[in-house]
C-alpha atoms as a PDB file:
ATOM      1  CA  PRO A   1       0.000   0.000   0.000  1.00  0.00           C
ATOM      2  CA  GLU A   2       1.014   3.593  -0.592  1.00  0.00           C
ATOM      3  CA  VAL A   3       0.800   6.142   2.201  1.00  0.00           C
ATOM      4  CA  GLY A   4       1.465   9.809   1.412  1.00  0.00           C
ATOM      5  CA  GLY A   5       3.559   8.971  -1.653  1.00  0.00           C
ATOM      6  CA  ILE A   6       5.668   6.422   0.264  1.00  0.00           C
ATOM      7  CA  VAL A   7       5.332   2.763  -0.565  1.00  0.00           C
ATOM      8  CA  GLU A   8       5.132   0.523   2.496  1.00  0.00           C
ATOM      9  CA  GLU A   9       7.006  -2.704   1.910  1.00  0.00           C
ATOM     10  CA  TYR A  10       7.208  -3.863   5.495  1.00  0.00           C
ATOM     11  CA  THR A  11       6.211  -7.371   6.421  1.00  0.00           C
ATOM     12  CA  PRO A  12       6.307  -7.751  10.200  1.00  0.00           C
ATOM     13  CA  LYS A  13       8.435 -10.579  11.541  1.00  0.00           C
ATOM     14  CA  HIS A  14       8.192 -12.262  14.921  1.00  0.00           C
ATOM     15  CA  THR A  15       4.840 -10.646  15.756  1.00  0.00           C
ATOM     16  CA  SER A  16       4.176 -13.585  18.061  1.00  0.00           C
ATOM     17  CA  LEU A  17       7.025 -12.387  20.286  1.00  0.00           C
ATOM     18  CA  ALA A  18       5.252  -9.140  21.068  1.00  0.00           C
ATOM     19  CA  PRO A  19       1.472  -9.620  21.198  1.00  0.00           C
ATOM     20  CA  GLY A  20      -0.457  -6.373  21.340  1.00  0.00           C
ATOM     21  CA  VAL A  21       2.397  -4.317  19.872  1.00  0.00           C
ATOM     22  CA  PRO A  22       1.553  -2.622  16.546  1.00  0.00           C
ATOM     23  CA  ASP A  23       3.263  -4.145  13.498  1.00  0.00           C
ATOM     24  CA  VAL A  24       5.701  -1.303  12.860  1.00  0.00           C
ATOM     25  CA  ALA A  25       6.600  -0.950  16.547  1.00  0.00           C
ATOM     26  CA  CYS A  26       7.046  -4.729  16.774  1.00  0.00           C
ATOM     27  CA  ARG A  27       9.894  -4.511  14.297  1.00  0.00           C
ATOM     28  CA  PHE A  28      11.812  -2.335  16.733  1.00  0.00           C
ATOM     29  CA  ALA A  29      10.636  -4.072  19.909  1.00  0.00           C
ATOM     30  CA  ILE A  30      12.351  -7.374  19.103  1.00  0.00           C
ATOM     31  CA  PRO A  31      15.472  -7.898  21.172  1.00  0.00           C
ATOM     32  CA  ALA A  32      18.628  -7.775  19.075  1.00  0.00           C
ATOM     33  CA  GLY A  33      20.619 -10.951  18.716  1.00  0.00           C
ATOM     34  CA  THR A  34      17.745 -13.419  18.641  1.00  0.00           C
ATOM     35  CA  GLY A  35      17.840 -16.362  16.298  1.00  0.00           C
ATOM     36  CA  GLU A  36      15.222 -18.604  14.830  1.00  0.00           C
ATOM     37  CA  GLU A  37      12.829 -20.478  17.081  1.00  0.00           C
ATOM     38  CA  MET A  38      13.774 -23.917  18.357  1.00  0.00           C
ATOM     39  CA  GLU A  39      11.576 -26.903  19.065  1.00  0.00           C
ATOM     40  CA  GLU A  40       8.923 -25.791  21.568  1.00  0.00           C
ATOM     41  CA  ASN A  41       9.405 -28.496  24.215  1.00  0.00           C
ATOM     42  CA  LEU A  42      13.183 -27.952  24.275  1.00  0.00           C
ATOM     43  CA  ALA A  43      12.708 -24.168  24.558  1.00  0.00           C
ATOM     44  CA  ARG A  44      10.260 -24.657  27.454  1.00  0.00           C
ATOM     45  CA  ASN A  45      12.796 -26.848  29.286  1.00  0.00           C
ATOM     46  CA  ILE A  46      15.628 -24.358  28.749  1.00  0.00           C
ATOM     47  CA  ASN A  47      13.493 -21.436  29.925  1.00  0.00           C
ATOM     48  CA  TYR A  48      12.457 -23.352  33.043  1.00  0.00           C
ATOM     49  CA  MET A  49      16.017 -24.333  33.939  1.00  0.00           C
ATOM     50  CA  ALA A  50      17.258 -20.783  33.371  1.00  0.00           C
ATOM     51  CA  SER A  51      14.593 -19.245  35.607  1.00  0.00           C
ATOM     52  CA  HIS A  52      14.450 -21.753  38.497  1.00  0.00           C
ATOM     53  CA  GLN A  53      17.097 -22.798  40.974  1.00  0.00           C
ATOM     54  CA  LEU A  54      18.278 -26.317  40.253  1.00  0.00           C
ATOM     55  CA  GLN A  55      19.177 -28.907  42.912  1.00  0.00           C
ATOM     56  CA  GLU A  56      22.856 -28.742  43.889  1.00  0.00           C
ATOM     57  CA  SER A  57      23.188 -32.534  44.108  1.00  0.00           C
ATOM     58  CA  ILE A  58      21.882 -33.062  40.571  1.00  0.00           C
ATOM     59  CA  MET A  59      24.081 -30.252  39.225  1.00  0.00           C
ATOM     60  CA  ASP A  60      27.174 -31.790  40.887  1.00  0.00           C
ATOM     61  CA  GLU A  61      26.277 -35.293  39.678  1.00  0.00           C
ATOM     62  CA  THR A  62      25.747 -34.064  36.115  1.00  0.00           C
ATOM     63  CA  SER A  63      28.936 -31.995  36.015  1.00  0.00           C
ATOM     64  CA  LYS A  64      30.966 -35.023  37.213  1.00  0.00           C
ATOM     65  CA  ARG A  65      29.809 -36.934  34.116  1.00  0.00           C
ATOM     66  CA  TYR A  66      31.336 -34.205  31.935  1.00  0.00           C
ATOM     67  CA  GLU A  67      34.751 -33.675  33.467  1.00  0.00           C
ATOM     68  CA  THR A  68      37.187 -31.534  31.513  1.00  0.00           C
ATOM     69  CA  PRO A  69      38.931 -33.573  28.804  1.00  0.00           C
ATOM     70  CA  VAL A  70      42.692 -33.930  29.227  1.00  0.00           C
ATOM     71  CA  ASN A  71      43.358 -32.091  25.965  1.00  0.00           C
ATOM     72  CA  CYS A  72      41.131 -29.079  26.808  1.00  0.00           C
ATOM     73  CA  ALA A  73      43.342 -27.170  29.238  1.00  0.00           C
ATOM     74  CA  SER A  74      41.444 -23.917  28.602  1.00  0.00           C
ATOM     75  CA  LEU A  75      38.348 -25.379  30.294  1.00  0.00           C
ATOM     76  CA  ARG A  76      40.127 -26.189  33.544  1.00  0.00           C
ATOM     77  CA  VAL A  77      39.038 -24.003  36.446  1.00  0.00           C
ATOM     78  CA  PRO A  78      42.021 -22.041  37.792  1.00  0.00           C
ATOM     79  CA  THR A  79      42.654 -22.233  41.516  1.00  0.00           C
ATOM     80  CA  VAL A  80      43.998 -19.473  43.715  1.00  0.00           C
ATOM     81  CA  ASN A  81      47.610 -19.752  44.839  1.00  0.00           C
ATOM     82  CA  GLN A  82      47.679 -20.933  48.491  1.00  0.00           C
ATOM     83  CA  ALA A  83      49.920 -18.029  49.529  1.00  0.00           C
ATOM     84  CA  ILE A  84      47.346 -15.575  48.171  1.00  0.00           C
ATOM     85  CA  TRP A  85      44.357 -17.554  49.512  1.00  0.00           C
ATOM     86  CA  GLY A  86      45.528 -17.050  53.096  1.00  0.00           C
ATOM     87  CA  GLN A  87      45.715 -13.289  52.564  1.00  0.00           C
ATOM     88  CA  MET A  88      42.200 -13.014  51.141  1.00  0.00           C
ATOM     89  CA  GLY A  89      39.270 -12.057  53.328  1.00  0.00           C
ATOM     90  CA  VAL A  90      36.386 -14.446  53.983  1.00  0.00           C
ATOM     91  CA  SER A  91      34.098 -12.484  51.661  1.00  0.00           C
ATOM     92  CA  MET A  92      36.625 -12.647  48.824  1.00  0.00           C
ATOM     93  CA  GLN A  93      37.194 -16.388  49.410  1.00  0.00           C
ATOM     94  CA  SER A  94      33.442 -17.003  49.292  1.00  0.00           C
ATOM     95  CA  HIS A  95      33.163 -14.999  46.066  1.00  0.00           C
ATOM     96  CA  GLU A  96      36.086 -16.931  44.552  1.00  0.00           C
ATOM     97  CA  LEU A  97      34.538 -20.308  45.470  1.00  0.00           C
ATOM     98  CA  ARG A  98      31.219 -19.321  43.845  1.00  0.00           C
ATOM     99  CA  LEU A  99      33.063 -18.162  40.730  1.00  0.00           C
ATOM    100  CA  GLN A 100      34.971 -21.468  40.547  1.00  0.00           C
ATOM    101  CA  LYS A 101      31.687 -23.375  40.824  1.00  0.00           C
ATOM    102  CA  VAL A 102      30.144 -21.348  37.972  1.00  0.00           C
ATOM    103  CA  LEU A 103      33.248 -21.847  35.811  1.00  0.00           C
ATOM    104  CA  LYS A 104      33.120 -25.598  36.505  1.00  0.00           C
ATOM    105  CA  LEU A 105      29.467 -25.728  35.391  1.00  0.00           C
ATOM    106  CA  ILE A 106      30.243 -23.726  32.251  1.00  0.00           C
ATOM    107  CA  GLY A 107      33.125 -26.089  31.476  1.00  0.00           C
ATOM    108  CA  ALA A 108      30.841 -29.093  31.985  1.00  0.00           C
ATOM    109  CA  GLY A 109      28.265 -27.531  29.641  1.00  0.00           C
ATOM    110  CA  ILE A 110      30.866 -26.884  26.948  1.00  0.00           C
ATOM    111  CA  THR A 111      32.224 -30.416  27.384  1.00  0.00           C
ATOM    112  CA  ALA A 112      28.711 -31.890  27.091  1.00  0.00           C
ATOM    113  CA  PHE A 113      28.161 -29.885  23.911  1.00  0.00           C
ATOM    114  CA  GLY A 114      31.506 -31.050  22.526  1.00  0.00           C
ATOM    115  CA  ARG A 115      30.748 -34.678  23.355  1.00  0.00           C
ATOM    116  CA  THR A 116      27.369 -34.359  21.614  1.00  0.00           C
ATOM    117  CA  VAL A 117      28.958 -32.914  18.471  1.00  0.00           C
ATOM    118  CA  GLU A 118      31.615 -35.629  18.623  1.00  0.00           C
ATOM    119  CA  ALA A 119      28.940 -38.349  18.848  1.00  0.00           C
ATOM    120  CA  LEU A 120      26.908 -36.839  16.003  1.00  0.00           C
ATOM    121  CA  CYS A 121      29.961 -36.628  13.768  1.00  0.00           C
ATOM    122  CA  ARG A 122      30.957 -40.187  14.634  1.00  0.00           C
ATOM    123  CA  SER A 123      27.453 -41.552  13.933  1.00  0.00           C
ATOM    124  CA  SER A 124      27.186 -39.809  10.574  1.00  0.00           C
ATOM    125  CA  ASN A 125      30.848 -40.244   9.556  1.00  0.00           C
ATOM    126  CA  ILE A 126      31.311 -36.487   9.282  1.00  0.00           C
ATOM    127  CA  GLN A 127      34.653 -35.062  10.264  1.00  0.00           C
ATOM    128  CA  PRO A 128      34.505 -31.549  11.699  1.00  0.00           C
ATOM    129  CA  PRO A 129      36.851 -29.304   9.708  1.00  0.00           C
ATOM    130  CA  ASN A 130      40.140 -28.202  11.245  1.00  0.00           C
ATOM    131  CA  LEU A 131      39.864 -24.846   9.521  1.00  0.00           C
ATOM    132  CA  LEU A 132      37.064 -22.336  10.016  1.00  0.00           C
ATOM    133  CA  PHE A 133      35.608 -22.522   6.498  1.00  0.00           C
ATOM    134  CA  GLY A 134      36.786 -26.036   5.683  1.00  0.00           C
ATOM    135  CA  GLU A 135      39.877 -27.479   4.106  1.00  0.00           C
ATOM    136  CA  ASP A 136      39.162 -26.449   0.503  1.00  0.00           C
ATOM    137  CA  LEU A 137      38.294 -22.771   0.943  1.00  0.00           C
ATOM    138  CA  ALA A 138      40.392 -21.657  -2.061  1.00  0.00           C
ATOM    139  CA  LYS A 139      38.512 -24.107  -4.309  1.00  0.00           C
ATOM    140  CA  GLN A 140      35.139 -22.949  -2.952  1.00  0.00           C
ATOM    141  CA  VAL A 141      36.033 -19.285  -3.560  1.00  0.00           C
ATOM    142  CA  LYS A 142      37.247 -20.072  -7.095  1.00  0.00           C
ATOM    143  CA  ASP A 143      34.043 -22.030  -7.851  1.00  0.00           C
ATOM    144  CA  LEU A 144      31.899 -19.154  -6.547  1.00  0.00           C
ATOM    145  CA  ASP A 145      33.878 -16.619  -8.600  1.00  0.00           C
ATOM    146  CA  ASP A 146      33.509 -18.745 -11.729  1.00  0.00           C
ATOM    147  CA  GLU A 147      29.778 -19.097 -11.123  1.00  0.00           C
ATOM    148  CA  ALA A 148      29.364 -15.360 -10.519  1.00  0.00           C
ATOM    149  CA  LYS A 149      31.301 -14.574 -13.703  1.00  0.00           C
ATOM    150  CA  SER A 150      29.202 -17.027 -15.699  1.00  0.00           C
ATOM    151  CA  ILE A 151      25.954 -15.317 -14.729  1.00  0.00           C
ATOM    152  CA  GLY A 152      27.400 -11.827 -15.162  1.00  0.00           C
ATOM    153  CA  LEU A 153      27.657 -10.703 -11.546  1.00  0.00           C
ATOM    154  CA  ILE A 154      31.362  -9.948 -11.907  1.00  0.00           C
ATOM    155  CA  LYS A 155      32.625  -7.963 -14.862  1.00  0.00           C
ATOM    156  CA  THR A 156      36.173  -8.741 -15.929  1.00  0.00           C
ATOM    157  CA  HIS A 157      38.567  -6.671 -17.979  1.00  0.00           C
ATOM    158  CA  PRO A 158      39.126  -7.931 -21.564  1.00  0.00           C
ATOM    159  CA  SER A 159      42.704  -8.863 -20.605  1.00  0.00           C
ATOM    160  CA  GLY A 160      41.289 -11.265 -18.018  1.00  0.00           C
ATOM    161  CA  ARG A 161      42.464  -9.115 -15.130  1.00  0.00           C
ATOM    162  CA  MET A 162      40.442  -6.747 -13.056  1.00  0.00           C
ATOM    163  CA  PRO A 163      40.929  -3.114 -14.115  1.00  0.00           C
ATOM    164  CA  PRO A 164      43.073  -1.058 -11.749  1.00  0.00           C
ATOM    165  CA  ARG A 165      41.083   0.799  -9.130  1.00  0.00           C
ATOM    166  CA  ARG A 166      41.326   4.532  -9.045  1.00  0.00           C
ATOM    167  CA  PRO A 167      41.457   6.185  -5.642  1.00  0.00           C
ATOM    168  CA  TYR A 168      38.947   8.806  -6.779  1.00  0.00           C
ATOM    169  CA  PRO A 169      36.774   7.203  -9.477  1.00  0.00           C
ATOM    170  CA  PHE A 170      34.648  10.308 -10.080  1.00  0.00           C
ATOM    171  CA  ARG A 171      37.463  12.711 -11.041  1.00  0.00           C
END
């Protein structure tokens, strides 16, 4: 529709996240950094666990199943040097112990995720790449360039090289 000479081409997204908010305002009311929805039952479980205190015994039992792998030194929880520990006040020691517990749980969560990925890769015979974009990135880039050239997205110079770029193209 056209409003005052301006064509509206807005299709609201995620309106279910903000019921009662007008369509245009909804576009700006969505929290930044949100991804696509996940399976509803899993999302309900995650939301519950994130908003309710969980039993210490179950948390400890679960984290013991996912101890830090030997070859993942970055996940190990650092301990305070004993000489420093004796100089710290009780409040600081308590804070440090809570921080160590949180870091241990985070490490267990990352380890559980890693073990899950490892199991999925093993069951489907997929090897995770060692490099960020895979082993054959140069080939993929070349194939994409060739495809783009073939459909006319990239213009090449008659010599086969790209023309030199001018620092000020409009002069």
